Protein backbone atom coordinates (compact mmCIF):
# COMPACT_ATOMS: atom_id res chain seq x y z
CA MET A 1 111.48 97.27 66.04
CA THR A 2 114.53 96.55 63.93
CA ARG A 3 115.64 95.43 60.51
CA ARG A 4 119.14 94.81 59.07
CA PHE A 5 120.05 96.05 55.51
CA SER A 6 120.65 92.42 54.21
CA PHE A 7 116.89 91.60 54.43
CA VAL A 8 115.53 94.73 52.87
CA VAL A 9 115.51 93.61 49.27
CA LEU A 10 114.38 90.12 50.38
CA PHE A 11 111.30 91.62 52.18
CA LEU A 12 110.39 93.89 49.40
CA LEU A 13 110.53 91.17 46.88
CA ALA A 14 108.65 88.86 49.06
CA VAL A 15 105.96 91.03 50.20
CA GLY A 16 105.79 94.08 47.96
CA ALA A 17 104.28 97.39 48.77
CA VAL A 18 101.50 96.53 51.09
CA ALA A 19 99.07 99.15 49.61
CA SER A 20 99.79 98.11 45.95
CA ALA A 21 97.05 96.39 43.93
CA ALA A 22 97.66 92.79 42.95
CA PRO A 23 97.65 91.83 39.19
CA ALA A 24 94.29 90.85 37.84
CA GLY A 25 93.43 87.38 38.86
CA ALA A 26 96.21 87.13 41.43
CA GLN A 27 95.77 86.33 45.13
CA PRO A 28 96.86 89.39 47.40
CA ALA A 29 100.17 88.86 49.16
CA ARG A 30 99.81 87.42 52.69
CA TYR A 31 100.62 90.12 55.19
CA ASP A 32 104.05 89.58 56.68
CA GLY A 33 104.07 91.09 60.18
CA ARG A 34 107.40 89.60 61.06
CA GLY A 35 108.84 91.58 58.20
CA SER A 36 106.84 94.61 59.27
CA LEU A 37 108.32 94.23 62.79
CA ARG A 38 111.78 93.95 61.56
CA ASP A 39 111.54 96.64 58.91
CA LEU A 40 109.11 99.16 60.42
CA GLY A 41 108.87 98.91 64.33
CA TYR A 42 105.60 97.27 65.19
CA VAL A 43 103.66 94.38 63.90
CA SER A 44 100.78 96.15 62.47
CA ALA A 45 102.82 98.80 60.62
CA ARG A 46 102.11 99.17 56.94
CA SER A 47 99.31 96.48 57.20
CA PRO A 48 96.48 97.38 54.71
CA ILE A 49 94.32 98.50 57.64
CA HIS A 50 97.18 100.77 59.10
CA VAL A 51 97.86 102.25 55.56
CA LYS A 52 94.24 103.18 55.05
CA ALA A 53 93.86 104.66 58.60
CA LYS A 54 96.86 106.81 57.90
CA ALA A 55 95.47 108.03 54.53
CA ASP A 56 92.13 108.81 56.26
CA ALA A 57 93.82 110.70 59.08
CA ALA A 58 95.90 112.76 56.52
CA ARG A 59 92.60 113.82 54.81
CA LEU A 60 90.97 114.74 58.19
CA ALA A 61 94.03 116.63 59.33
CA ALA A 62 93.80 118.87 56.27
CA GLN A 63 90.65 120.36 57.62
CA LEU A 64 92.14 121.42 61.00
CA HIS A 65 92.78 125.09 61.54
CA PRO A 66 95.26 125.36 64.50
CA GLN A 67 95.71 128.66 66.38
CA ALA A 68 99.06 129.99 67.46
CA ARG A 69 99.79 129.04 71.03
CA PRO A 70 100.74 132.10 73.21
CA SER A 71 104.18 132.16 74.94
CA ALA A 72 104.22 131.31 78.48
CA LEU A 73 106.43 132.82 81.24
CA SER A 74 108.26 129.74 82.52
CA THR A 75 110.46 127.61 80.31
CA PRO A 76 112.44 124.51 81.05
CA THR A 77 116.33 124.70 81.16
CA THR A 78 118.76 122.11 79.82
CA GLY A 79 121.56 120.68 81.98
CA ALA A 80 123.69 117.79 80.62
CA SER A 81 122.96 117.20 77.07
CA TRP A 82 124.73 114.80 74.65
CA ASN A 83 124.60 112.57 71.58
CA GLY A 84 123.56 109.03 72.72
CA VAL A 85 124.09 105.54 71.31
CA SER A 86 123.03 104.55 67.74
CA ASP A 87 122.86 101.73 65.30
CA GLY A 88 123.36 102.10 61.58
CA THR A 89 121.80 98.65 60.71
CA LEU A 90 118.26 99.34 61.68
CA SER A 91 115.33 101.53 62.20
CA PRO A 92 113.61 102.80 64.47
CA PRO A 93 115.67 103.17 67.57
CA ASP A 94 112.89 103.06 70.31
CA THR A 95 114.64 105.71 72.36
CA ASN A 96 114.42 105.61 76.24
CA GLY A 97 116.54 105.55 79.37
CA ALA A 98 116.66 105.89 83.11
CA ILE A 99 118.48 108.01 85.64
CA GLY A 100 119.94 106.66 88.67
CA PRO A 101 121.76 108.40 91.54
CA ASN A 102 125.18 107.88 89.83
CA SER A 103 124.51 107.18 86.10
CA TYR A 104 122.09 107.30 83.13
CA VAL A 105 121.40 104.13 81.35
CA GLU A 106 120.14 104.50 77.69
CA ILE A 107 118.85 101.46 75.89
CA ILE A 108 117.68 101.36 72.20
CA ASN A 109 117.54 99.04 69.34
CA LEU A 110 120.02 97.39 69.42
CA GLN A 111 122.56 99.19 71.68
CA VAL A 112 122.94 100.31 75.34
CA GLY A 113 125.08 102.94 76.95
CA VAL A 114 125.93 103.87 80.54
CA TYR A 115 126.80 107.52 81.12
CA SER A 116 127.97 109.56 83.98
CA ARG A 117 125.65 112.37 85.23
CA THR A 118 127.60 114.82 83.05
CA GLY A 119 127.04 112.67 79.90
CA ALA A 120 130.53 111.22 79.75
CA LYS A 121 130.33 107.65 78.43
CA ILE A 122 131.24 104.95 80.97
CA THR A 123 130.55 101.98 78.79
CA SER A 124 128.47 100.88 75.82
CA GLY A 125 127.77 97.87 73.62
CA THR A 126 125.06 95.67 72.04
CA LEU A 127 121.90 94.31 73.51
CA GLN A 128 123.33 90.88 72.83
CA ARG A 129 126.13 91.65 75.15
CA LEU A 130 123.78 92.77 77.70
CA THR A 131 121.15 90.07 77.61
CA GLY A 132 122.84 87.12 76.15
CA HIS A 133 120.28 86.71 73.38
CA SER A 134 120.92 86.72 69.64
CA GLN A 135 121.24 90.40 68.46
CA PHE A 136 119.16 90.10 65.37
CA ASN A 137 116.08 88.82 67.24
CA LEU A 138 115.82 91.61 69.96
CA SER A 139 113.28 94.33 69.92
CA ASP A 140 111.53 97.09 71.99
CA PRO A 141 113.96 97.48 74.68
CA MET A 142 113.11 99.36 77.92
CA VAL A 143 114.97 100.34 81.07
CA LEU A 144 113.96 101.85 84.43
CA TRP A 145 115.35 102.85 87.81
CA ASP A 146 113.73 101.27 90.87
CA PRO A 147 113.77 103.43 94.09
CA ASP A 148 112.90 100.37 96.22
CA THR A 149 115.61 98.00 95.34
CA GLN A 150 118.05 100.73 94.20
CA ARG A 151 118.85 99.17 90.85
CA PHE A 152 118.14 99.33 87.26
CA TYR A 153 115.89 96.86 85.34
CA TYR A 154 115.67 96.03 81.63
CA ASN A 155 113.27 94.14 79.37
CA VAL A 156 113.83 93.31 75.76
CA TRP A 157 111.57 91.12 73.54
CA ASP A 158 113.19 88.22 71.70
CA THR A 159 110.99 88.14 68.57
CA SER A 160 112.15 84.64 67.34
CA ALA A 161 111.40 82.81 70.70
CA ALA A 162 108.46 85.00 71.87
CA THR A 163 110.25 85.45 75.20
CA MET A 164 111.26 88.37 77.23
CA ALA A 165 115.04 88.97 78.13
CA ILE A 166 114.76 90.46 81.55
CA GLY A 167 117.69 91.62 83.95
CA PHE A 168 118.66 93.90 86.64
CA SER A 169 121.84 95.65 87.89
CA LYS A 170 123.61 94.14 90.83
CA THR A 171 124.27 97.57 92.25
CA SER A 172 123.05 101.12 91.88
CA ASN A 173 126.02 101.98 89.75
CA PRO A 174 126.77 99.43 86.86
CA THR A 175 129.94 100.18 85.00
CA ASN A 176 129.77 97.24 82.51
CA LEU A 177 127.34 95.32 80.49
CA SER A 178 128.27 91.80 81.62
CA THR A 179 129.36 90.97 85.13
CA ASN A 180 127.34 93.90 86.60
CA TRP A 181 123.92 92.39 85.60
CA CYS A 182 121.80 89.38 86.40
CA LYS A 183 120.10 88.07 83.32
CA TYR A 184 117.09 85.85 82.77
CA THR A 185 114.55 84.66 80.14
CA ALA A 186 110.86 84.12 80.53
CA SER A 187 108.32 82.83 77.94
CA PHE A 188 105.00 83.72 79.92
CA GLY A 189 103.41 80.81 78.07
CA TYR A 190 103.64 82.18 74.34
CA SER A 191 104.53 80.02 71.40
CA THR A 192 107.17 80.93 68.80
CA SER A 193 104.55 81.84 66.26
CA ASN A 194 102.90 84.53 68.57
CA ALA A 195 103.89 88.16 68.69
CA PRO A 196 103.67 89.92 72.23
CA ASP A 197 104.31 93.27 70.64
CA TYR A 198 105.24 96.64 72.02
CA PRO A 199 106.23 95.50 75.61
CA LYS A 200 106.09 98.38 78.08
CA LEU A 201 108.04 97.96 81.38
CA GLY A 202 106.79 99.27 84.74
CA GLN A 203 107.09 98.29 88.39
CA THR A 204 105.60 98.23 91.81
CA LYS A 205 107.35 97.61 95.17
CA GLY A 206 107.02 93.82 94.63
CA PHE A 207 106.60 93.18 90.91
CA LEU A 208 107.94 94.03 87.36
CA LEU A 209 105.01 94.52 84.99
CA ILE A 210 105.16 94.19 81.28
CA GLY A 211 102.16 95.26 79.09
CA VAL A 212 101.95 93.81 75.51
CA ASN A 213 99.65 93.86 72.56
CA PHE A 214 99.07 90.30 71.53
CA TYR A 215 99.01 89.16 67.86
CA PRO A 216 98.30 85.38 67.31
CA SER A 217 100.74 85.27 64.53
CA PHE A 218 102.77 87.62 62.36
CA SER A 219 100.23 87.59 59.69
CA SER A 220 97.76 89.07 61.95
CA LEU A 221 96.57 92.43 60.74
CA LEU A 222 95.41 93.65 64.17
CA SER A 223 96.11 92.67 67.73
CA THR A 224 93.44 90.47 69.22
CA GLN A 225 94.07 91.04 72.94
CA SER A 226 96.25 92.93 75.51
CA ASP A 227 98.14 91.00 78.23
CA LEU A 228 99.94 92.03 81.47
CA LEU A 229 102.96 90.04 82.32
CA TRP A 230 104.41 90.02 85.81
CA LEU A 231 107.29 88.65 87.77
CA THR A 232 108.66 89.18 91.32
CA LYS A 233 111.68 91.31 91.93
CA PRO A 234 114.85 90.53 93.98
CA ALA A 235 114.63 91.23 97.69
CA GLY A 236 116.62 93.93 99.32
CA SER A 237 118.44 96.89 97.89
CA GLY A 238 122.02 95.94 98.77
CA ALA A 239 124.70 94.87 96.30
CA ILE A 240 124.31 91.33 94.78
CA THR A 241 127.45 89.24 94.33
CA THR A 242 125.72 86.04 93.10
CA CYS A 243 122.64 86.31 90.89
CA PRO A 244 119.53 84.57 92.28
CA ALA A 245 118.51 81.28 90.56
CA ALA A 246 115.58 81.87 88.05
CA SER A 247 113.54 79.41 90.10
CA THR A 248 113.42 81.88 92.94
CA PHE A 249 111.27 84.34 91.00
CA LYS A 250 107.54 83.88 90.33
CA ILE A 251 106.10 84.76 87.01
CA GLY A 252 102.53 85.02 85.57
CA LYS A 253 100.29 86.73 83.11
CA PHE A 254 96.81 88.57 83.18
CA SER A 255 95.33 87.76 79.81
CA ASN A 256 92.99 89.59 77.52
CA LEU A 257 92.60 93.00 79.37
CA LYS A 258 89.32 94.72 78.45
CA ASN A 259 87.91 98.31 78.66
CA VAL A 260 84.82 98.92 80.62
CA ASN A 261 82.83 98.60 77.25
CA GLY A 262 84.22 95.16 76.67
CA THR A 263 86.72 96.22 73.89
CA GLN A 264 90.39 95.43 73.94
CA ALA A 265 92.35 97.78 76.34
CA PHE A 266 94.82 98.72 73.70
CA THR A 267 98.56 99.03 74.63
CA PRO A 268 98.56 98.51 78.37
CA VAL A 269 101.38 100.66 79.92
CA PRO A 270 102.44 99.95 83.52
CA PRO A 271 103.90 103.23 84.87
CA ILE A 272 107.59 103.52 86.08
CA GLN A 273 107.10 104.22 89.71
CA ALA A 274 109.16 107.18 91.21
CA ASP A 275 107.70 106.58 94.81
CA THR A 276 107.86 103.00 96.15
CA SER A 277 104.38 101.56 96.52
CA SER A 278 102.90 98.13 96.76
CA LYS A 279 100.02 99.34 94.65
CA GLY A 280 100.62 100.09 90.90
CA PHE A 281 98.50 100.95 88.00
CA VAL A 282 98.13 100.23 84.28
CA VAL A 283 96.67 102.69 81.75
CA ALA A 284 95.46 101.74 78.38
CA SER A 285 93.41 103.30 75.70
CA ALA A 286 90.56 102.62 73.32
CA ASP A 287 91.52 100.36 70.48
CA VAL A 288 92.58 102.96 67.84
CA GLU A 289 94.88 100.63 65.92
CA ASP A 290 92.51 100.53 62.91
CA GLY A 291 91.94 104.33 62.82
CA SER A 292 88.97 104.28 65.25
CA THR A 293 88.25 106.99 67.74
CA GLY A 294 88.37 106.97 71.38
CA ASN A 295 87.12 109.27 74.31
CA PHE A 296 88.36 107.51 77.30
CA LEU A 297 91.48 105.94 78.98
CA THR A 298 91.28 102.81 81.09
CA VAL A 299 92.98 102.34 84.56
CA PHE A 300 93.64 99.08 86.28
CA GLN A 301 95.16 98.66 89.64
CA VAL A 302 97.73 96.00 90.48
CA LYS A 303 98.54 94.99 94.03
CA PRO A 304 99.66 91.94 96.05
CA SER A 305 97.13 89.27 96.66
CA GLY A 306 95.59 89.30 100.24
CA THR A 307 96.40 85.64 100.55
CA ASP A 308 99.90 85.60 99.01
CA PRO A 309 101.84 88.76 98.69
CA THR A 310 104.19 87.19 96.18
CA VAL A 311 101.32 86.97 93.66
CA PRO A 312 99.66 90.04 92.19
CA VAL A 313 95.87 90.65 91.54
CA ILE A 314 94.45 92.98 89.09
CA SER A 315 91.37 95.22 89.41
CA ALA A 316 88.43 95.43 87.08
CA PRO A 317 88.86 98.21 84.41
CA HIS A 318 87.87 101.75 85.36
CA GLN A 319 87.14 104.44 82.76
CA VAL A 320 88.52 108.01 82.57
CA ALA A 321 86.75 110.48 80.17
CA VAL A 322 89.00 112.47 78.02
CA ALA A 323 88.62 114.60 74.58
CA THR A 324 88.14 112.33 71.56
CA TYR A 325 91.27 111.27 69.94
CA GLN A 326 92.43 109.19 66.84
CA MET A 327 95.37 108.32 64.84
CA GLY A 328 97.13 111.33 63.44
CA PRO A 329 98.70 111.67 60.03
CA ASP A 330 102.49 111.15 59.45
CA ALA A 331 104.59 114.18 59.64
CA PRO A 332 106.14 116.04 56.70
CA GLN A 333 109.88 117.16 56.84
CA SER A 334 111.74 119.74 54.81
CA GLY A 335 113.48 118.88 51.53
CA THR A 336 111.72 115.67 50.80
CA ASN A 337 108.25 114.17 50.29
CA ARG A 338 109.04 111.31 52.71
CA LEU A 339 107.10 111.40 55.87
CA LEU A 340 108.01 110.49 59.45
CA ASP A 341 105.83 108.02 61.21
CA THR A 342 103.74 109.32 64.12
CA LEU A 343 102.60 105.96 65.33
CA ASP A 344 98.83 105.33 65.83
CA GLY A 345 97.49 107.03 68.90
CA ARG A 346 98.49 104.43 71.46
CA LEU A 347 99.81 105.55 74.91
CA SER A 348 103.62 105.07 74.75
CA HIS A 349 105.08 105.91 78.21
CA ALA A 350 103.84 106.47 81.87
CA VAL A 351 105.21 107.54 85.23
CA GLN A 352 103.59 107.10 88.64
CA ALA A 353 104.35 109.48 91.49
CA MET A 354 103.13 111.53 94.39
CA ASP A 355 101.85 114.91 93.44
CA PRO A 356 101.80 117.30 96.54
CA ARG A 357 99.52 119.62 94.66
CA ALA A 358 96.97 116.87 93.98
CA GLY A 359 97.45 115.49 97.46
CA ALA A 360 97.60 111.93 95.84
CA THR A 361 99.65 109.43 93.71
CA THR A 362 99.01 110.22 90.14
CA VAL A 363 99.84 108.72 86.68
CA TRP A 364 101.41 110.96 83.91
CA THR A 365 101.04 109.49 80.46
CA SER A 366 100.70 110.79 76.80
CA HIS A 367 100.24 109.82 73.15
CA ALA A 368 100.52 111.54 69.68
CA VAL A 369 97.07 111.91 68.12
CA MET A 370 95.35 113.94 65.47
CA GLY A 371 95.39 117.75 66.26
CA GLY A 372 97.28 121.01 65.95
CA VAL A 373 98.47 121.45 62.45
CA GLY A 374 98.13 117.63 61.85
CA THR A 375 99.49 115.65 64.72
CA GLU A 376 99.94 116.69 68.42
CA VAL A 377 100.87 115.29 71.76
CA ARG A 378 98.36 115.12 74.45
CA TRP A 379 99.42 114.52 78.10
CA TYR A 380 97.31 113.53 81.02
CA GLU A 381 97.79 113.55 84.87
CA ILE A 382 95.40 110.86 86.06
CA ARG A 383 94.34 110.56 89.83
CA PRO A 384 93.55 106.83 89.73
CA THR A 385 91.99 106.77 93.35
CA PRO A 386 89.38 106.12 94.33
CA LEU A 387 89.59 103.35 92.07
CA SER A 388 85.88 103.26 91.46
CA THR A 389 85.98 106.80 90.10
CA PRO A 390 89.51 107.83 88.69
CA THR A 391 89.70 111.34 87.17
CA VAL A 392 92.02 113.48 85.10
CA PHE A 393 93.62 115.84 87.66
CA GLN A 394 94.98 118.09 84.73
CA SER A 395 95.92 117.56 81.11
CA GLY A 396 97.37 119.54 78.24
CA THR A 397 98.16 119.63 74.44
CA ILE A 398 101.42 120.20 72.91
CA ASN A 399 101.06 121.53 69.48
CA ASP A 400 101.96 124.50 67.14
CA ALA A 401 100.38 126.33 64.32
CA THR A 402 103.20 125.28 61.82
CA LEU A 403 104.81 122.15 63.36
CA TYR A 404 103.67 118.53 63.69
CA VAL A 405 104.37 117.20 67.20
CA PHE A 406 104.86 113.55 68.07
CA ASN A 407 106.97 110.79 69.74
CA GLY A 408 106.37 112.52 73.25
CA ALA A 409 107.24 111.33 76.59
CA VAL A 410 106.13 113.09 79.97
CA SER A 411 107.31 112.87 83.44
CA PRO A 412 106.92 114.66 86.67
CA ASP A 413 109.89 116.07 88.59
CA ARG A 414 109.37 113.80 91.67
CA THR A 415 112.67 113.36 93.63
CA VAL A 416 112.80 110.20 95.77
CA ASN A 417 115.88 108.80 97.36
CA PRO A 418 117.03 107.25 100.74
CA GLY A 419 117.38 110.83 102.22
CA GLY A 420 113.68 111.63 101.64
CA SER A 421 111.31 112.99 98.74
CA ALA A 422 110.19 116.17 97.37
CA HIS A 423 108.68 117.78 94.33
CA GLY A 424 106.20 116.02 91.96
CA GLN A 425 103.75 118.84 91.09
CA ASN A 426 105.78 119.86 87.97
CA MET A 427 106.55 118.08 84.66
CA VAL A 428 108.62 118.25 81.59
CA ALA A 429 107.70 116.57 78.21
CA GLY A 430 110.06 115.92 75.33
CA PHE A 431 109.07 115.34 71.75
CA THR A 432 109.91 115.56 68.22
CA SER A 433 108.68 118.31 65.87
CA SER A 434 108.91 118.69 62.12
CA SER A 435 107.25 120.45 59.18
CA THR A 436 107.46 121.03 55.38
CA THR A 437 110.06 123.74 56.02
CA THR A 438 111.86 122.30 59.03
CA PHE A 439 113.95 119.20 59.76
CA SER A 440 113.00 116.95 62.71
CA ALA A 441 114.05 118.55 66.10
CA ASP A 442 114.07 117.33 69.74
CA GLN A 443 112.08 119.84 71.82
CA MET A 444 110.53 120.15 75.24
CA VAL A 445 108.01 121.96 77.31
CA SER A 446 107.36 122.23 81.12
CA LYS A 447 104.68 123.03 83.56
CA VAL A 448 105.30 124.31 87.00
CA GLY A 449 102.57 123.69 89.51
CA SER A 450 99.28 125.51 88.49
CA GLY A 451 101.22 127.70 86.10
CA ALA A 452 100.79 127.64 82.26
CA GLN A 453 102.46 125.28 79.99
CA SER A 454 105.76 126.72 78.65
CA ALA A 455 106.70 127.67 75.24
CA PHE A 456 108.74 125.27 73.15
CA VAL A 457 112.39 125.05 73.98
CA LEU A 458 114.71 123.59 71.33
CA VAL A 459 117.02 121.00 72.57
CA ASN A 460 118.78 119.57 69.57
CA GLN A 461 118.10 120.37 65.82
CA SER A 462 118.56 117.88 63.04
CA PRO A 463 120.70 119.30 60.27
CA GLY A 464 119.16 117.12 57.54
CA LYS A 465 116.22 115.06 56.43
CA ASN A 466 115.50 111.41 57.14
CA GLU A 467 115.55 109.18 54.09
CA ASP A 468 116.45 105.56 54.95
CA PHE A 469 115.67 101.99 53.83
CA THR A 470 112.18 102.23 55.58
CA CYS A 471 111.05 104.81 52.97
CA THR A 472 112.77 104.13 49.58
CA THR A 473 109.81 105.23 47.39
CA ALA A 474 108.42 108.93 46.77
CA GLY A 475 105.76 109.76 49.39
CA SER A 476 106.37 106.83 51.73
CA THR A 477 106.73 106.85 55.45
CA CYS A 478 110.01 106.69 57.25
CA ARG A 479 109.97 104.88 60.57
CA TRP A 480 110.43 107.09 63.73
CA GLY A 481 110.15 106.55 67.38
CA ASP A 482 108.64 104.32 68.31
CA TYR A 483 108.68 106.03 71.70
CA GLY A 484 110.79 108.44 73.60
CA GLY A 485 111.77 108.46 77.27
CA ALA A 486 111.35 110.77 80.36
CA THR A 487 112.16 109.89 83.93
CA PRO A 488 112.45 111.78 87.23
CA ASP A 489 115.92 112.33 88.86
CA PRO A 490 116.21 110.44 92.17
CA ALA A 491 119.41 112.61 92.89
CA ALA A 492 118.01 116.04 92.40
CA SER A 493 118.22 118.42 95.37
CA LEU A 494 115.47 117.89 97.86
CA THR A 495 115.67 121.55 98.89
CA ALA A 496 115.54 123.08 95.40
CA ALA A 497 112.47 124.69 93.97
CA THR A 498 111.83 121.93 91.53
CA GLY A 499 113.18 118.54 90.73
CA GLU A 500 114.71 117.36 87.42
CA VAL A 501 113.72 115.11 84.55
CA TRP A 502 116.06 113.18 82.04
CA LEU A 503 114.95 112.67 78.63
CA THR A 504 115.86 110.70 75.43
CA ASN A 505 114.60 111.21 71.90
CA GLU A 506 115.53 110.69 68.11
CA TRP A 507 117.12 113.07 65.78
CA ASN A 508 118.66 112.79 62.31
CA ALA A 509 122.19 113.50 61.05
CA THR A 510 122.92 114.95 57.55
CA SER A 511 122.28 112.32 54.96
CA THR A 512 124.06 112.04 51.65
CA ASN A 513 122.98 108.42 50.97
CA PRO A 514 119.02 108.30 50.68
CA ASN A 515 118.97 104.62 51.53
CA GLY A 516 121.36 104.85 54.72
CA VAL A 517 120.47 104.87 58.31
CA TRP A 518 121.23 108.36 59.60
CA TRP A 519 119.16 108.60 62.78
CA ARG A 520 120.88 109.35 66.14
CA THR A 521 119.63 109.65 69.65
CA TRP A 522 119.88 112.44 72.14
CA ASN A 523 119.74 112.53 75.82
CA TRP A 524 119.31 115.51 78.16
CA GLU A 525 118.71 116.67 81.68
CA ALA A 526 115.92 119.24 82.22
CA THR A 527 114.79 121.49 85.07
CA PRO A 528 111.10 122.53 84.70
């Protein structure tokens, strides 16, 4: 997640470069995952295992021979498009947002903004103001729009207490960060030495779901298990005047999720539901954190218990075969030998919605993996039922003969509101691109029905390179991501040919100070 400048020198002096050799006869420095989290975004970032896996990926990627992608006929178009909130004290931003019927809520490290549907700022402020938790300890924020209760929900990890700061808007149209929200804290049984890292927020009709990679301590080099946290949602969709007591909500945890082969179900991601359903799903991948390969995704179903609808049950894991994937190399950028982090092949975002073309509810998800000229984004539309034999309904790759592609997020254009529902057979995916001759850029592609995936559409071009406190030495990797956002628009026209998708990603402003934080965020509305 995050890192404040005042701790950079302390961290470097205390830990040193992770990959450096220790002096003869000296004991190697103990890995400091808490420092890695604060500096670099996730607990295992820059661990010796992670550094070696990235170096191996770079060597393998040098053998790739990408082909130029032919242009397709359809291209997505941009509607509202604007510079989002940012924070000059940390990196990376963990960009994401959610569109409601009246406004767009963007939440990042460590800021939040509420905007009109034209991109005009309504209010903005710190996550401390939104959650009531200490600003320095917050990490990995997420926000979603829930069509069932007609309100926004957020989740933010408090790293010092190993708790989750959870809240929801009192109405469908919050205009401030204080009195318009109900705010709670849940520990889910973790101790303060634990690291429930990379929490991903999703929901069903009855429950909020949070998937985490669990590290026993901040010195752990790899996560040892994956957990799914859950809690009940407030009843009804009307305006709330008095926040319900915390005791009125039930919470729980499914611990140690496994793939079919008994390995860790890495980075469980509960999808954001566009259609209200009591049945939800969780997608995970093979454990590729150490540079291993995978050739499957895992699907779990979550639904109310048959004996108590206020308590969920989770199914056994079910496997979906996909093309082999592994961690991709970090991405080059113009004008510097500093690289941009492309993460480690984990799934980073998911949306669940009805697809009329598939005739079923599907789950859309993606990850950045080795491919293309080095790193590409692969997306999947999974048909999770029948649960015994889930299948990939369709999938695609987002790559280019000269560009690295990463930090992606995909969403269908499903439109669901109290007046009805429509669309869902089309998608838009946003991502970052960069190369040795280009600066980072926010781009997107779309796919309409059974048509071909579109050519790249440039949304926002960075005017300069990224060189900040996370990459102070030559050839080092600058933090980026750790994820983008993409959500379907509940207020799109039900009679239009397609729906709309709203997206958030990272870009970089011109830097004249090589140690300064110059990242920014960009929000945009897209029609497939």
